[in-house]
C-alpha atoms as a PDB file:
ATOM      1  CA  UNK A   1     -42.680  64.943 -30.981  1.00  0.00           C
ATOM      2  CA  UNK A   2     -43.522  61.655 -29.356  1.00  0.00           C
ATOM      3  CA  UNK A   3     -47.074  59.818 -30.428  1.00  0.00           C
ATOM      4  CA  UNK A   4     -48.128  56.903 -29.234  1.00  0.00           C
ATOM      5  CA  UNK A   5     -48.510  53.793 -30.667  1.00  0.00           C
ATOM      6  CA  UNK A   6     -52.469  52.598 -30.565  1.00  0.00           C
ATOM      7  CA  UNK A   7     -52.342  49.394 -30.860  1.00  0.00           C
ATOM      8  CA  UNK A   8     -55.687  47.745 -32.316  1.00  0.00           C
ATOM      9  CA  UNK A   9     -57.246  44.402 -30.320  1.00  0.00           C
ATOM     10  CA  UNK A  10     -57.072  41.806 -32.847  1.00  0.00           C
ATOM     11  CA  UNK A  11     -52.644  42.908 -32.266  1.00  0.00           C
ATOM     12  CA  UNK A  12     -53.303  40.490 -29.198  1.00  0.00           C
ATOM     13  CA  UNK A  13     -53.396  36.532 -30.985  1.00  0.00           C
ATOM     14  CA  UNK A  14     -50.452  37.322 -33.252  1.00  0.00           C
ATOM     15  CA  UNK A  15     -48.354  36.029 -30.814  1.00  0.00           C
ATOM     16  CA  UNK A  16     -50.010  33.451 -30.137  1.00  0.00           C
ATOM     17  CA  UNK A  17     -50.947  32.275 -33.757  1.00  0.00           C
ATOM     18  CA  UNK A  18     -46.996  33.110 -34.185  1.00  0.00           C
ATOM     19  CA  UNK A  19     -45.979  30.334 -31.178  1.00  0.00           C
ATOM     20  CA  UNK A  20     -48.812  28.418 -31.924  1.00  0.00           C
ATOM     21  CA  UNK A  21     -47.499  27.531 -35.834  1.00  0.00           C
ATOM     22  CA  UNK A  22     -43.755  27.099 -34.357  1.00  0.00           C
ATOM     23  CA  UNK A  23     -44.527  24.354 -31.728  1.00  0.00           C
ATOM     24  CA  UNK A  24     -47.058  22.959 -35.034  1.00  0.00           C
ATOM     25  CA  UNK A  25     -44.264  22.767 -37.544  1.00  0.00           C
ATOM     26  CA  UNK A  26     -41.572  21.856 -34.441  1.00  0.00           C
ATOM     27  CA  UNK A  27     -43.526  18.585 -33.273  1.00  0.00           C
ATOM     28  CA  UNK A  28     -44.416  17.719 -36.456  1.00  0.00           C
ATOM     29  CA  UNK A  29     -40.405  17.773 -37.262  1.00  0.00           C
ATOM     30  CA  UNK A  30     -40.276  15.706 -33.181  1.00  0.00           C
ATOM     31  CA  UNK A  31     -43.065  13.497 -35.104  1.00  0.00           C
ATOM     32  CA  UNK A  32     -41.243  12.657 -38.464  1.00  0.00           C
ATOM     33  CA  UNK A  33     -37.739  12.488 -36.201  1.00  0.00           C
ATOM     34  CA  UNK A  34     -38.935   9.904 -33.949  1.00  0.00           C
ATOM     35  CA  UNK A  35     -40.328   7.585 -36.949  1.00  0.00           C
ATOM     36  CA  UNK A  36     -37.636   7.049 -39.578  1.00  0.00           C
ATOM     37  CA  UNK A  37     -37.301   4.885 -39.438  1.00  0.00           C
ATOM     38  CA  UNK A  38     -33.791   2.812 -38.819  1.00  0.00           C
ATOM     39  CA  UNK A  39     -31.768   1.950 -42.374  1.00  0.00           C
ATOM     40  CA  UNK A  40     -33.166   5.493 -43.212  1.00  0.00           C
ATOM     41  CA  UNK A  41     -31.106   7.169 -40.547  1.00  0.00           C
ATOM     42  CA  UNK A  42     -27.892   5.194 -40.685  1.00  0.00           C
ATOM     43  CA  UNK A  43     -28.147   6.044 -44.972  1.00  0.00           C
ATOM     44  CA  UNK A  44     -28.448   9.936 -43.828  1.00  0.00           C
ATOM     45  CA  UNK A  45     -26.140   9.267 -41.591  1.00  0.00           C
ATOM     46  CA  UNK A  46     -23.909   8.311 -43.987  1.00  0.00           C
ATOM     47  CA  UNK A  47     -24.313  10.957 -46.638  1.00  0.00           C
ATOM     48  CA  UNK A  48     -21.337  12.925 -47.848  1.00  0.00           C
ATOM     49  CA  UNK A  49     -21.442  16.812 -45.970  1.00  0.00           C
ATOM     50  CA  UNK A  50     -18.201  17.934 -48.118  1.00  0.00           C
ATOM     51  CA  UNK A  51     -18.280  17.661 -51.789  1.00  0.00           C
END
């Protein structure tokens, strides 16, 4: 009635790849935020959010 799920050896690598991709995106966005010029940040903070 119940069958046991059999994992292949490559299934162990998938969480590491997902974590690496997520960390890469987070670090990329963090670096872009830190390197943002003050004038651009001020301009973006004044953009209207409501129409």
